Amino acid sequence: MRQYLDFLSDILQAGARKGDRTGTGTISVFGRQMRFDLGAGFPLVTTKKLHLRSIVHELLWFLSGDTNVGYLHEHGVTIWDEWADAAGDLGPIYGRQWRSWPTADGRHIDQIAQLLGQLRSEPDSRRLIVSAWNVAELDEMALAPCHALFQFYVAGGRLSCQLYQRSADAFLGVPFNIASYALLTHMLADQSGLQPGEFVWTGGDCHIYLNHIAAVETQIAREPFSPPRLRLNRRPP
């Protein structure tokens, strides 16, 4: 994960001071990319602790189509609590858009099911895309999607994924998002009879909050460990 530390350094060195909705202030750059060969290891940041349980259960929660924090609480995950209403609801965020995108004629589109079907029957398609950015429902969402769209690519029996993240909290969010989408790529490769290929992370507004700078500098000074290996023990039918 040396490229992640280089990414942090780039923001500190080249970033512009910008305001933000929290009032904290950021250092920001626009348009950056990192690439990870999933065959060489799982891209988990090793220069700080990550709460792997939250990463796994949030992804499973998205994939279930759920948008209430109840499931997360059952598994000790509280990362969405600050945006949930009194009943634990978050509006039509990621899971709703991935699994039940509403159409004008009253239907609902299961983008994940469509994607999996395409991976199996049309692996050369250039439409292997899932979007969470439903303009018609943004105002109903507790938080607009930061990781807005992802696309898959199949070549040589390997499945690769590229994520576009419009807003990238480089210190807290990006390590979490890299691990989450790398895990999703492994899962979909397993279900499609493919091997994991490459995960490409692409960021729009890539920023470090001013109150994170000292922690970022500490992290940059650390030497990353070799990437861990991921093994999926169970293959659902």
C-alpha atoms as a PDB file:
ATOM      1  CA  MET A   1       0.000   0.000   0.000  1.00  0.00           C
ATOM      2  CA  ARG A   2       2.900   2.324  -0.686  1.00  0.00           C
ATOM      3  CA  GLN A   3       0.762   4.021  -3.348  1.00  0.00           C
ATOM      4  CA  TYR A   4      -1.741   5.021  -0.665  1.00  0.00           C
ATOM      5  CA  LEU A   5       0.965   6.751   1.383  1.00  0.00           C
ATOM      6  CA  ASP A   6       2.172   8.483  -1.788  1.00  0.00           C
ATOM      7  CA  PHE A   7      -1.418   9.599  -2.380  1.00  0.00           C
ATOM      8  CA  LEU A   8      -1.544  11.187   1.084  1.00  0.00           C
ATOM      9  CA  SER A   9       1.797  12.909   0.498  1.00  0.00           C
ATOM     10  CA  ASP A  10       0.592  14.281  -2.826  1.00  0.00           C
ATOM     11  CA  ILE A  11      -2.436  15.900  -1.198  1.00  0.00           C
ATOM     12  CA  LEU A  12      -0.303  17.509   1.513  1.00  0.00           C
ATOM     13  CA  GLN A  13       2.198  18.825  -1.026  1.00  0.00           C
ATOM     14  CA  ALA A  14      -0.065  19.857  -3.908  1.00  0.00           C
ATOM     15  CA  GLY A  15      -3.421  20.454  -2.246  1.00  0.00           C
ATOM     16  CA  ALA A  16      -5.390  23.684  -2.109  1.00  0.00           C
ATOM     17  CA  ARG A  17      -7.162  24.928   1.009  1.00  0.00           C
ATOM     18  CA  LYS A  18     -10.929  24.538   0.654  1.00  0.00           C
ATOM     19  CA  GLY A  19     -14.001  24.821   2.833  1.00  0.00           C
ATOM     20  CA  ASP A  20     -16.428  21.952   3.408  1.00  0.00           C
ATOM     21  CA  ARG A  21     -19.912  21.249   4.759  1.00  0.00           C
ATOM     22  CA  THR A  22     -18.542  20.372   8.231  1.00  0.00           C
ATOM     23  CA  GLY A  23     -16.771  23.714   8.656  1.00  0.00           C
ATOM     24  CA  THR A  24     -13.473  21.979   9.480  1.00  0.00           C
ATOM     25  CA  GLY A  25     -11.553  22.910   6.333  1.00  0.00           C
ATOM     26  CA  THR A  26      -9.573  20.661   4.016  1.00  0.00           C
ATOM     27  CA  ILE A  27      -6.515  20.384   1.815  1.00  0.00           C
ATOM     28  CA  SER A  28      -7.769  19.092  -1.521  1.00  0.00           C
ATOM     29  CA  VAL A  29      -6.622  17.909  -4.952  1.00  0.00           C
ATOM     30  CA  PHE A  30      -8.783  16.882  -7.902  1.00  0.00           C
ATOM     31  CA  GLY A  31      -8.573  13.708  -9.948  1.00  0.00           C
ATOM     32  CA  ARG A  32      -6.264  10.995  -8.609  1.00  0.00           C
ATOM     33  CA  GLN A  33      -5.970   7.246  -9.223  1.00  0.00           C
ATOM     34  CA  MET A  34      -4.490   4.185  -7.500  1.00  0.00           C
ATOM     35  CA  ARG A  35      -4.253   0.656  -8.923  1.00  0.00           C
ATOM     36  CA  PHE A  36      -4.034  -2.597  -6.949  1.00  0.00           C
ATOM     37  CA  ASP A  37      -3.307  -6.071  -8.325  1.00  0.00           C
ATOM     38  CA  LEU A  38      -5.658  -8.283  -6.329  1.00  0.00           C
ATOM     39  CA  GLY A  39      -3.649 -11.330  -7.332  1.00  0.00           C
ATOM     40  CA  ALA A  40      -0.689  -9.916  -5.409  1.00  0.00           C
ATOM     41  CA  GLY A  41      -2.614  -9.523  -2.158  1.00  0.00           C
ATOM     42  CA  PHE A  42      -5.591  -7.809  -0.587  1.00  0.00           C
ATOM     43  CA  PRO A  43      -5.246  -3.981  -0.550  1.00  0.00           C
ATOM     44  CA  LEU A  44      -5.738  -3.397   3.160  1.00  0.00           C
ATOM     45  CA  VAL A  45      -3.923  -0.397   4.622  1.00  0.00           C
ATOM     46  CA  THR A  46      -1.404  -1.698   7.171  1.00  0.00           C
ATOM     47  CA  THR A  47      -0.038   1.603   8.488  1.00  0.00           C
ATOM     48  CA  LYS A  48      -3.052   2.050  10.766  1.00  0.00           C
ATOM     49  CA  LYS A  49      -5.800  -0.130  12.207  1.00  0.00           C
ATOM     50  CA  LEU A  50      -8.931  -0.671  10.132  1.00  0.00           C
ATOM     51  CA  HIS A  51     -12.156  -2.073  11.566  1.00  0.00           C
ATOM     52  CA  LEU A  52     -12.524  -5.022   9.203  1.00  0.00           C
ATOM     53  CA  ARG A  53     -15.848  -6.090  10.712  1.00  0.00           C
ATOM     54  CA  SER A  54     -17.364  -2.742   9.711  1.00  0.00           C
ATOM     55  CA  ILE A  55     -16.044  -3.093   6.165  1.00  0.00           C
ATOM     56  CA  VAL A  56     -17.493  -6.587   5.742  1.00  0.00           C
ATOM     57  CA  HIS A  57     -20.868  -5.946   7.332  1.00  0.00           C
ATOM     58  CA  GLU A  58     -21.395  -2.609   5.601  1.00  0.00           C
ATOM     59  CA  LEU A  59     -20.828  -4.297   2.230  1.00  0.00           C
ATOM     60  CA  LEU A  60     -23.198  -7.158   3.098  1.00  0.00           C
ATOM     61  CA  TRP A  61     -25.728  -4.548   4.225  1.00  0.00           C
ATOM     62  CA  PHE A  62     -25.464  -2.697   0.913  1.00  0.00           C
ATOM     63  CA  LEU A  63     -25.835  -5.958  -1.002  1.00  0.00           C
ATOM     64  CA  SER A  64     -28.956  -6.874   0.966  1.00  0.00           C
ATOM     65  CA  GLY A  65     -30.655  -3.672  -0.186  1.00  0.00           C
ATOM     66  CA  ASP A  66     -31.245  -2.557   3.403  1.00  0.00           C
ATOM     67  CA  THR A  67     -31.098   1.131   4.367  1.00  0.00           C
ATOM     68  CA  ASN A  68     -31.809   0.890   8.093  1.00  0.00           C
ATOM     69  CA  VAL A  69     -28.960   0.660  10.619  1.00  0.00           C
ATOM     70  CA  GLY A  70     -30.621  -2.183  12.538  1.00  0.00           C
ATOM     71  CA  TYR A  71     -28.572  -4.887  10.791  1.00  0.00           C
ATOM     72  CA  LEU A  72     -25.362  -2.948  11.390  1.00  0.00           C
ATOM     73  CA  HIS A  73     -26.134  -2.625  15.100  1.00  0.00           C
ATOM     74  CA  GLU A  74     -26.697  -6.379  15.340  1.00  0.00           C
ATOM     75  CA  HIS A  75     -23.077  -6.783  14.244  1.00  0.00           C
ATOM     76  CA  GLY A  76     -21.542  -4.015  16.347  1.00  0.00           C
ATOM     77  CA  VAL A  77     -21.187  -1.503  13.505  1.00  0.00           C
ATOM     78  CA  THR A  78     -22.058   2.145  14.209  1.00  0.00           C
ATOM     79  CA  ILE A  79     -20.453   4.010  11.289  1.00  0.00           C
ATOM     80  CA  TRP A  80     -23.791   5.188   9.857  1.00  0.00           C
ATOM     81  CA  ASP A  81     -25.420   6.241  13.130  1.00  0.00           C
ATOM     82  CA  GLU A  82     -24.764   9.983  12.848  1.00  0.00           C
ATOM     83  CA  TRP A  83     -26.822  10.215   9.637  1.00  0.00           C
ATOM     84  CA  ALA A  84     -29.723   7.927  10.608  1.00  0.00           C
ATOM     85  CA  ASP A  85     -33.071   9.294  11.770  1.00  0.00           C
ATOM     86  CA  ALA A  86     -34.755   8.307  15.037  1.00  0.00           C
ATOM     87  CA  ALA A  87     -36.035   5.078  13.479  1.00  0.00           C
ATOM     88  CA  GLY A  88     -32.600   4.187  12.110  1.00  0.00           C
ATOM     89  CA  ASP A  89     -33.501   4.960   8.506  1.00  0.00           C
ATOM     90  CA  LEU A  90     -31.172   6.631   6.006  1.00  0.00           C
ATOM     91  CA  GLY A  91     -33.409   7.081   2.995  1.00  0.00           C
ATOM     92  CA  PRO A  92     -32.713   5.588  -0.451  1.00  0.00           C
ATOM     93  CA  ILE A  93     -28.918   5.297  -0.129  1.00  0.00           C
ATOM     94  CA  TYR A  94     -26.557   2.709  -1.636  1.00  0.00           C
ATOM     95  CA  GLY A  95     -28.437  -0.523  -0.921  1.00  0.00           C
ATOM     96  CA  ARG A  96     -31.701   0.821  -2.318  1.00  0.00           C
ATOM     97  CA  GLN A  97     -30.042   2.034  -5.517  1.00  0.00           C
ATOM     98  CA  TRP A  98     -27.952  -1.119  -6.000  1.00  0.00           C
ATOM     99  CA  ARG A  99     -30.831  -3.544  -5.494  1.00  0.00           C
ATOM    100  CA  SER A 100     -34.061  -1.632  -6.166  1.00  0.00           C
ATOM    101  CA  TRP A 101     -33.527   1.426  -8.381  1.00  0.00           C
ATOM    102  CA  PRO A 102     -37.035   2.821  -9.006  1.00  0.00           C
ATOM    103  CA  THR A 103     -38.151   3.554 -12.558  1.00  0.00           C
ATOM    104  CA  ALA A 104     -40.705   6.096 -13.772  1.00  0.00           C
ATOM    105  CA  ASP A 105     -43.181   3.343 -14.678  1.00  0.00           C
ATOM    106  CA  GLY A 106     -43.174   1.813 -11.192  1.00  0.00           C
ATOM    107  CA  ARG A 107     -40.679  -1.008 -11.729  1.00  0.00           C
ATOM    108  CA  HIS A 108     -37.495  -1.567  -9.725  1.00  0.00           C
ATOM    109  CA  ILE A 109     -34.119  -2.537 -11.176  1.00  0.00           C
ATOM    110  CA  ASP A 110     -31.800  -4.886  -9.285  1.00  0.00           C
ATOM    111  CA  GLN A 111     -28.457  -3.640 -10.588  1.00  0.00           C
ATOM    112  CA  ILE A 112     -26.418  -6.275  -8.740  1.00  0.00           C
ATOM    113  CA  ALA A 113     -28.476  -9.170 -10.127  1.00  0.00           C
ATOM    114  CA  GLN A 114     -28.245  -7.670 -13.613  1.00  0.00           C
ATOM    115  CA  LEU A 115     -24.491  -7.247 -13.233  1.00  0.00           C
ATOM    116  CA  LEU A 116     -23.968 -10.831 -12.098  1.00  0.00           C
ATOM    117  CA  GLY A 117     -26.046 -12.115 -14.998  1.00  0.00           C
ATOM    118  CA  GLN A 118     -24.017 -10.037 -17.443  1.00  0.00           C
ATOM    119  CA  LEU A 119     -20.715 -11.221 -15.975  1.00  0.00           C
ATOM    120  CA  ARG A 120     -21.796 -14.797 -16.629  1.00  0.00           C
ATOM    121  CA  SER A 121     -23.411 -14.332 -20.052  1.00  0.00           C
ATOM    122  CA  GLU A 122     -21.802 -11.192 -21.535  1.00  0.00           C
ATOM    123  CA  PRO A 123     -18.369 -10.796 -19.928  1.00  0.00           C
ATOM    124  CA  ASP A 124     -17.136  -8.600 -22.799  1.00  0.00           C
ATOM    125  CA  SER A 125     -19.916  -6.055 -22.265  1.00  0.00           C
ATOM    126  CA  ARG A 126     -18.880  -2.456 -21.673  1.00  0.00           C
ATOM    127  CA  ARG A 127     -22.032  -1.904 -19.628  1.00  0.00           C
ATOM    128  CA  LEU A 128     -20.933  -3.748 -16.479  1.00  0.00           C
ATOM    129  CA  ILE A 129     -21.801  -0.720 -14.365  1.00  0.00           C
ATOM    130  CA  VAL A 130     -23.608  -0.091 -11.084  1.00  0.00           C
ATOM    131  CA  SER A 131     -24.553   3.456 -10.056  1.00  0.00           C
ATOM    132  CA  ALA A 132     -25.720   4.816  -6.712  1.00  0.00           C
ATOM    133  CA  TRP A 133     -26.112   8.374  -8.041  1.00  0.00           C
ATOM    134  CA  ASN A 134     -29.873   8.625  -8.532  1.00  0.00           C
ATOM    135  CA  VAL A 135     -30.400  12.345  -9.125  1.00  0.00           C
ATOM    136  CA  ALA A 136     -34.154  12.056  -8.563  1.00  0.00           C
ATOM    137  CA  GLU A 137     -33.658  10.742  -5.013  1.00  0.00           C
ATOM    138  CA  LEU A 138     -30.579  12.635  -3.805  1.00  0.00           C
ATOM    139  CA  ASP A 139     -32.639  14.969  -1.626  1.00  0.00           C
ATOM    140  CA  GLU A 140     -34.207  11.996   0.167  1.00  0.00           C
ATOM    141  CA  MET A 141     -30.837  10.443   1.060  1.00  0.00           C
ATOM    142  CA  ALA A 142     -29.314  11.065   4.479  1.00  0.00           C
ATOM    143  CA  LEU A 143     -25.959  11.409   2.700  1.00  0.00           C
ATOM    144  CA  ALA A 144     -25.342  11.700  -1.034  1.00  0.00           C
ATOM    145  CA  PRO A 145     -23.240   8.803  -2.377  1.00  0.00           C
ATOM    146  CA  CYS A 146     -19.498   9.438  -2.084  1.00  0.00           C
ATOM    147  CA  HIS A 147     -18.567   6.275  -3.996  1.00  0.00           C
ATOM    148  CA  ALA A 148     -20.996   6.918  -6.792  1.00  0.00           C
ATOM    149  CA  LEU A 149     -20.339   4.465  -9.620  1.00  0.00           C
ATOM    150  CA  PHE A 150     -18.318   1.326 -10.342  1.00  0.00           C
ATOM    151  CA  GLN A 151     -17.557  -0.631 -13.505  1.00  0.00           C
ATOM    152  CA  PHE A 152     -16.239  -4.148 -14.112  1.00  0.00           C
ATOM    153  CA  TYR A 153     -13.994  -5.476 -16.861  1.00  0.00           C
ATOM    154  CA  VAL A 154     -13.250  -9.099 -17.764  1.00  0.00           C
ATOM    155  CA  ALA A 155     -10.119 -10.204 -19.629  1.00  0.00           C
ATOM    156  CA  GLY A 156      -8.075 -13.395 -19.513  1.00  0.00           C
ATOM    157  CA  GLY A 157     -10.399 -14.975 -16.961  1.00  0.00           C
ATOM    158  CA  ARG A 158      -9.822 -12.132 -14.502  1.00  0.00           C
ATOM    159  CA  LEU A 159     -12.361  -9.678 -13.129  1.00  0.00           C
ATOM    160  CA  SER A 160     -11.268  -6.088 -12.576  1.00  0.00           C
ATOM    161  CA  CYS A 161     -13.197  -3.222 -11.018  1.00  0.00           C
ATOM    162  CA  GLN A 162     -12.897   0.551 -11.225  1.00  0.00           C
ATOM    163  CA  LEU A 163     -14.620   2.752  -8.648  1.00  0.00           C
ATOM    164  CA  TYR A 164     -15.319   6.455  -9.096  1.00  0.00           C
ATOM    165  CA  GLN A 165     -15.470   8.245  -5.759  1.00  0.00           C
ATOM    166  CA  ARG A 166     -16.683  11.831  -6.161  1.00  0.00           C
ATOM    167  CA  SER A 167     -15.719  12.830  -2.605  1.00  0.00           C
ATOM    168  CA  ALA A 168     -12.768  11.094  -0.992  1.00  0.00           C
ATOM    169  CA  ASP A 169     -11.837  11.568   2.665  1.00  0.00           C
ATOM    170  CA  ALA A 170      -8.269  10.404   2.159  1.00  0.00           C
ATOM    171  CA  PHE A 171      -7.456   9.587   5.779  1.00  0.00           C
ATOM    172  CA  LEU A 172     -10.657   7.999   7.093  1.00  0.00           C
ATOM    173  CA  GLY A 173     -12.760   6.988   4.113  1.00  0.00           C
ATOM    174  CA  VAL A 174     -10.472   5.922   1.285  1.00  0.00           C
ATOM    175  CA  PRO A 175      -8.767   2.943   3.033  1.00  0.00           C
ATOM    176  CA  PHE A 176     -12.241   1.673   3.967  1.00  0.00           C
ATOM    177  CA  ASN A 177     -13.571   2.095   0.423  1.00  0.00           C
ATOM    178  CA  ILE A 178     -10.566   0.413  -1.205  1.00  0.00           C
ATOM    179  CA  ALA A 179     -10.976  -2.643   1.019  1.00  0.00           C
ATOM    180  CA  SER A 180     -14.752  -2.745   0.529  1.00  0.00           C
ATOM    181  CA  TYR A 181     -14.659  -2.700  -3.266  1.00  0.00           C
ATOM    182  CA  ALA A 182     -11.712  -5.088  -3.398  1.00  0.00           C
ATOM    183  CA  LEU A 183     -13.812  -7.485  -1.303  1.00  0.00           C
ATOM    184  CA  LEU A 184     -16.789  -6.980  -3.627  1.00  0.00           C
ATOM    185  CA  THR A 185     -14.571  -7.782  -6.612  1.00  0.00           C
ATOM    186  CA  HIS A 186     -13.417 -11.013  -4.956  1.00  0.00           C
ATOM    187  CA  MET A 187     -17.024 -11.976  -4.191  1.00  0.00           C
ATOM    188  CA  LEU A 188     -18.312 -11.320  -7.704  1.00  0.00           C
ATOM    189  CA  ALA A 189     -15.317 -13.068  -9.269  1.00  0.00           C
ATOM    190  CA  ASP A 190     -16.079 -16.104  -7.116  1.00  0.00           C
ATOM    191  CA  GLN A 191     -19.720 -16.092  -8.226  1.00  0.00           C
ATOM    192  CA  SER A 192     -18.767 -15.667 -11.894  1.00  0.00           C
ATOM    193  CA  GLY A 193     -16.100 -18.370 -12.102  1.00  0.00           C
ATOM    194  CA  LEU A 194     -13.359 -15.771 -12.562  1.00  0.00           C
ATOM    195  CA  GLN A 195     -10.156 -14.828 -10.769  1.00  0.00           C
ATOM    196  CA  PRO A 196      -9.771 -11.413  -9.114  1.00  0.00           C
ATOM    197  CA  GLY A 197      -7.908  -9.041 -11.399  1.00  0.00           C
ATOM    198  CA  GLU A 198      -7.176  -5.397 -10.630  1.00  0.00           C
ATOM    199  CA  PHE A 199      -8.949  -2.861  -8.461  1.00  0.00           C
ATOM    200  CA  VAL A 200      -8.684   0.698  -9.750  1.00  0.00           C
ATOM    201  CA  TRP A 201      -9.630   3.478  -7.362  1.00  0.00           C
ATOM    202  CA  THR A 202     -10.402   6.848  -8.970  1.00  0.00           C
ATOM    203  CA  GLY A 203     -11.136   9.910  -6.864  1.00  0.00           C
ATOM    204  CA  GLY A 204     -12.656  13.292  -7.708  1.00  0.00           C
ATOM    205  CA  ASP A 205     -12.273  15.741  -4.809  1.00  0.00           C
ATOM    206  CA  CYS A 206      -9.545  14.014  -2.774  1.00  0.00           C
ATOM    207  CA  HIS A 207      -9.077  15.755   0.544  1.00  0.00           C
ATOM    208  CA  ILE A 208      -7.525  15.645   3.991  1.00  0.00           C
ATOM    209  CA  TYR A 209      -9.343  17.436   6.796  1.00  0.00           C
ATOM    210  CA  LEU A 210      -7.162  19.987   8.566  1.00  0.00           C
ATOM    211  CA  ASN A 211      -7.671  18.255  11.925  1.00  0.00           C
ATOM    212  CA  HIS A 212      -6.266  15.012  10.449  1.00  0.00           C
ATOM    213  CA  ILE A 213      -2.956  16.430   9.187  1.00  0.00           C
ATOM    214  CA  ALA A 214      -0.850  15.392  12.203  1.00  0.00           C
ATOM    215  CA  ALA A 215      -2.221  11.833  12.067  1.00  0.00           C
ATOM    216  CA  VAL A 216      -1.604  11.694   8.312  1.00  0.00           C
ATOM    217  CA  GLU A 217       2.018  12.764   8.768  1.00  0.00           C
ATOM    218  CA  THR A 218       2.486  10.043  11.397  1.00  0.00           C
ATOM    219  CA  GLN A 219       1.025   7.473   9.039  1.00  0.00           C
ATOM    220  CA  ILE A 220       3.207   8.550   6.107  1.00  0.00           C
ATOM    221  CA  ALA A 221       6.300   7.995   8.272  1.00  0.00           C
ATOM    222  CA  ARG A 222       5.393   4.340   8.844  1.00  0.00           C
ATOM    223  CA  GLU A 223       6.571   1.454   6.681  1.00  0.00           C
ATOM    224  CA  PRO A 224       3.705  -0.610   5.236  1.00  0.00           C
ATOM    225  CA  PHE A 225       3.632  -4.373   5.705  1.00  0.00           C
ATOM    226  CA  SER A 226       3.179  -6.826   2.850  1.00  0.00           C
ATOM    227  CA  PRO A 227      -0.489  -7.077   1.816  1.00  0.00           C
ATOM    228  CA  PRO A 228      -2.537  -9.819   3.468  1.00  0.00           C
ATOM    229  CA  ARG A 229      -4.264 -12.607   1.542  1.00  0.00           C
ATOM    230  CA  LEU A 230      -8.026 -12.963   1.329  1.00  0.00           C
ATOM    231  CA  ARG A 231      -9.677 -16.370   1.190  1.00  0.00           C
ATOM    232  CA  LEU A 232     -13.419 -16.824   0.771  1.00  0.00           C
ATOM    233  CA  ASN A 233     -14.350 -19.983   2.659  1.00  0.00           C
ATOM    234  CA  ARG A 234     -17.935 -20.322   1.498  1.00  0.00           C
ATOM    235  CA  ARG A 235     -19.391 -20.044  -1.972  1.00  0.00           C
ATOM    236  CA  PRO A 236     -23.158 -19.399  -1.857  1.00  0.00           C
ATOM    237  CA  PRO A 237     -25.275 -21.167  -4.507  1.00  0.00           C
END
